[in-house]
C-alpha atoms as a PDB file:
ATOM      1  CA  MET A   1       0.000   0.000   0.000  1.00  0.00           C
ATOM      2  CA  ASN A   2       1.491   3.329  -1.011  1.00  0.00           C
ATOM      3  CA  SER A   3       1.468   6.402   1.242  1.00  0.00           C
ATOM      4  CA  SER A   4      -1.479   7.986  -0.611  1.00  0.00           C
ATOM      5  CA  SER A   5      -3.607   4.876  -0.059  1.00  0.00           C
ATOM      6  CA  LYS A   6      -2.598   4.776   3.610  1.00  0.00           C
ATOM      7  CA  ARG A   7      -3.613   8.436   4.078  1.00  0.00           C
ATOM      8  CA  LYS A   8      -6.989   7.764   2.440  1.00  0.00           C
ATOM      9  CA  ALA A   9      -7.579   4.716   4.660  1.00  0.00           C
ATOM     10  CA  ILE A  10      -6.631   6.640   7.810  1.00  0.00           C
ATOM     11  CA  THR A  11      -8.852   9.551   6.782  1.00  0.00           C
ATOM     12  CA  ALA A  12     -11.795   7.189   6.240  1.00  0.00           C
ATOM     13  CA  VAL A  13     -11.289   5.639   9.693  1.00  0.00           C
ATOM     14  CA  VAL A  14     -11.065   9.080  11.350  1.00  0.00           C
ATOM     15  CA  ILE A  15     -14.237  10.268   9.586  1.00  0.00           C
ATOM     16  CA  ALA A  16     -16.116   7.097  10.564  1.00  0.00           C
ATOM     17  CA  ALA A  17     -15.006   7.420  14.200  1.00  0.00           C
ATOM     18  CA  GLY A  18     -16.037  11.072  14.224  1.00  0.00           C
ATOM     19  CA  CYS A  19     -19.479  10.192  12.884  1.00  0.00           C
ATOM     20  CA  LEU A  20     -19.949   7.530  15.571  1.00  0.00           C
ATOM     21  CA  MET A  21     -18.876   9.888  18.344  1.00  0.00           C
ATOM     22  CA  ALA A  22     -21.081  12.707  17.072  1.00  0.00           C
ATOM     23  CA  GLY A  23     -24.056  10.344  17.029  1.00  0.00           C
ATOM     24  CA  GLY A  24     -23.441   9.532  20.689  1.00  0.00           C
ATOM     25  CA  VAL A  25     -23.287  13.196  21.636  1.00  0.00           C
ATOM     26  CA  VAL A  26     -26.516  14.040  19.846  1.00  0.00           C
ATOM     27  CA  GLN A  27     -28.464  11.270  21.555  1.00  0.00           C
ATOM     28  CA  ALA A  28     -29.075  12.650  25.054  1.00  0.00           C
ATOM     29  CA  ALA A  29     -30.773  10.614  27.756  1.00  0.00           C
ATOM     30  CA  ASP A  30     -34.445  11.184  28.477  1.00  0.00           C
ATOM     31  CA  PRO A  31     -35.065  13.641  31.323  1.00  0.00           C
ATOM     32  CA  GLU A  32     -35.853  11.758  34.547  1.00  0.00           C
ATOM     33  CA  VAL A  33     -38.240  12.635  37.372  1.00  0.00           C
ATOM     34  CA  SER A  34     -38.630  10.779  40.677  1.00  0.00           C
ATOM     35  CA  LEU A  35     -42.057  10.289  42.210  1.00  0.00           C
ATOM     36  CA  VAL A  36     -42.700   8.671  45.606  1.00  0.00           C
ATOM     37  CA  ILE A  37     -45.891   7.130  46.958  1.00  0.00           C
ATOM     38  CA  LYS A  38     -45.993   7.374  50.753  1.00  0.00           C
ATOM     39  CA  GLU A  39     -49.012   7.229  53.056  1.00  0.00           C
ATOM     40  CA  HIS A  40     -51.210   6.875  49.961  1.00  0.00           C
ATOM     41  CA  GLN A  41     -50.043  10.211  48.521  1.00  0.00           C
ATOM     42  CA  PHE A  42     -47.744  11.203  45.685  1.00  0.00           C
ATOM     43  CA  ASP A  43     -44.683  13.282  46.500  1.00  0.00           C
ATOM     44  CA  PRO A  44     -44.262  15.678  44.869  1.00  0.00           C
ATOM     45  CA  THR A  45     -47.860  16.359  43.881  1.00  0.00           C
ATOM     46  CA  GLU A  46     -46.757  18.560  40.963  1.00  0.00           C
ATOM     47  CA  ILE A  47     -44.001  17.605  38.540  1.00  0.00           C
ATOM     48  CA  LYS A  48     -42.603  19.997  35.927  1.00  0.00           C
ATOM     49  CA  VAL A  49     -41.082  18.468  32.808  1.00  0.00           C
ATOM     50  CA  PRO A  50     -39.864  19.848  29.480  1.00  0.00           C
ATOM     51  CA  ALA A  51     -42.503  19.961  26.752  1.00  0.00           C
ATOM     52  CA  ASN A  52     -41.956  18.093  23.492  1.00  0.00           C
ATOM     53  CA  GLN A  53     -39.590  15.539  25.060  1.00  0.00           C
ATOM     54  CA  ARG A  54     -40.044  12.000  26.254  1.00  0.00           C
ATOM     55  CA  VAL A  55     -39.714  11.802  30.054  1.00  0.00           C
ATOM     56  CA  LYS A  56     -38.808   8.910  32.328  1.00  0.00           C
ATOM     57  CA  LEU A  57     -40.841   8.763  35.562  1.00  0.00           C
ATOM     58  CA  ASN A  58     -39.181   6.705  38.318  1.00  0.00           C
ATOM     59  CA  VAL A  59     -41.977   5.784  40.727  1.00  0.00           C
ATOM     60  CA  HIS A  60     -41.236   4.256  44.139  1.00  0.00           C
ATOM     61  CA  ASN A  61     -44.107   2.930  46.237  1.00  0.00           C
ATOM     62  CA  GLN A  62     -42.952   3.181  49.869  1.00  0.00           C
ATOM     63  CA  ASP A  63     -46.313   2.002  51.224  1.00  0.00           C
ATOM     64  CA  SER A  64     -47.007  -1.522  52.449  1.00  0.00           C
ATOM     65  CA  THR A  65     -49.919  -1.835  50.003  1.00  0.00           C
ATOM     66  CA  PRO A  66     -49.964  -1.804  46.200  1.00  0.00           C
ATOM     67  CA  GLU A  67     -50.906   1.285  44.215  1.00  0.00           C
ATOM     68  CA  GLU A  68     -51.764   1.824  40.596  1.00  0.00           C
ATOM     69  CA  PHE A  69     -50.458   4.895  38.785  1.00  0.00           C
ATOM     70  CA  GLU A  70     -53.357   5.976  36.576  1.00  0.00           C
ATOM     71  CA  SER A  71     -53.648   8.840  34.104  1.00  0.00           C
ATOM     72  CA  HIS A  72     -56.266   9.178  31.414  1.00  0.00           C
ATOM     73  CA  SER A  73     -54.621  12.292  29.948  1.00  0.00           C
ATOM     74  CA  LEU A  74     -51.218  10.546  29.753  1.00  0.00           C
ATOM     75  CA  ASN A  75     -52.811   7.256  28.673  1.00  0.00           C
ATOM     76  CA  ARG A  76     -50.838   5.344  31.316  1.00  0.00           C
ATOM     77  CA  GLU A  77     -51.733   2.727  33.914  1.00  0.00           C
ATOM     78  CA  LYS A  78     -49.118   0.867  35.940  1.00  0.00           C
ATOM     79  CA  LEU A  79     -49.387  -1.341  39.033  1.00  0.00           C
ATOM     80  CA  ILE A  80     -46.702  -0.698  41.644  1.00  0.00           C
ATOM     81  CA  PRO A  81     -46.302  -3.408  44.303  1.00  0.00           C
ATOM     82  CA  PRO A  82     -45.644  -2.558  47.964  1.00  0.00           C
ATOM     83  CA  GLY A  83     -42.070  -1.294  48.287  1.00  0.00           C
ATOM     84  CA  GLY A  84     -41.704  -1.609  44.520  1.00  0.00           C
ATOM     85  CA  LYS A  85     -40.211   0.656  41.894  1.00  0.00           C
ATOM     86  CA  VAL A  86     -41.364   1.082  38.300  1.00  0.00           C
ATOM     87  CA  VAL A  87     -40.382   3.186  35.317  1.00  0.00           C
ATOM     88  CA  ILE A  88     -43.064   4.898  33.248  1.00  0.00           C
ATOM     89  CA  PHE A  89     -42.197   6.707  30.028  1.00  0.00           C
ATOM     90  CA  VAL A  90     -44.469   9.553  28.902  1.00  0.00           C
ATOM     91  CA  GLY A  91     -44.379  11.985  26.007  1.00  0.00           C
ATOM     92  CA  PRO A  92     -43.293  13.797  24.090  1.00  0.00           C
ATOM     93  CA  LEU A  93     -45.983  16.035  25.584  1.00  0.00           C
ATOM     94  CA  LYS A  94     -47.434  19.274  24.315  1.00  0.00           C
ATOM     95  CA  PRO A  95     -47.331  22.124  26.856  1.00  0.00           C
ATOM     96  CA  GLY A  96     -50.117  21.628  29.374  1.00  0.00           C
ATOM     97  CA  ARG A  97     -51.275  19.951  32.587  1.00  0.00           C
ATOM     98  CA  TYR A  98     -51.716  16.185  32.825  1.00  0.00           C
ATOM     99  CA  ASP A  99     -53.472  14.784  35.899  1.00  0.00           C
ATOM    100  CA  PHE A 100     -52.584  11.448  37.469  1.00  0.00           C
ATOM    101  CA  PHE A 101     -53.880   9.571  40.512  1.00  0.00           C
ATOM    102  CA  GLY A 102     -53.559   6.382  42.517  1.00  0.00           C
ATOM    103  CA  ASP A 103     -56.371   4.130  41.378  1.00  0.00           C
ATOM    104  CA  PHE A 104     -56.515   2.344  44.773  1.00  0.00           C
ATOM    105  CA  ASN A 105     -56.535   5.620  46.773  1.00  0.00           C
ATOM    106  CA  PRO A 106     -57.998   8.266  44.434  1.00  0.00           C
ATOM    107  CA  ALA A 107     -59.112  10.567  47.273  1.00  0.00           C
ATOM    108  CA  THR A 108     -55.551  11.071  48.569  1.00  0.00           C
ATOM    109  CA  ALA A 109     -53.156   9.994  45.815  1.00  0.00           C
ATOM    110  CA  LYS A 110     -53.422  12.834  43.296  1.00  0.00           C
ATOM    111  CA  GLY A 111     -50.922  14.728  41.223  1.00  0.00           C
ATOM    112  CA  VAL A 112     -50.286  16.690  38.074  1.00  0.00           C
ATOM    113  CA  LEU A 113     -47.505  16.646  35.524  1.00  0.00           C
ATOM    114  CA  VAL A 114     -46.896  20.067  33.948  1.00  0.00           C
ATOM    115  CA  ALA A 115     -45.153  20.139  30.573  1.00  0.00           C
ATOM    116  CA  GLU A 116     -43.642  23.525  29.779  1.00  0.00           C
END
């Protein structure tokens, strides 16, 4: 292989590596929000998230009874066992307010997700 061919091969490898690295930089992780269920209530009761992005909700049920995360406006329903943790992905969401509640304790387990 002559020196011109070597330079072309090295250039191709450098360009390919640069493209792979740039792809990794562009792909950011989904924003994450933690939500706790304790004494049949959500904490916090209001969550602010960026609009037009998918969001990862990390829900931890600290109660000794199961709870079901329910939201008609988010189109989500997820059973969370006692002491259990679940991940719920929502969005991308348009700016607005999205109510959620605990299906087993709807009088006390209430919250809202605000996309802005």
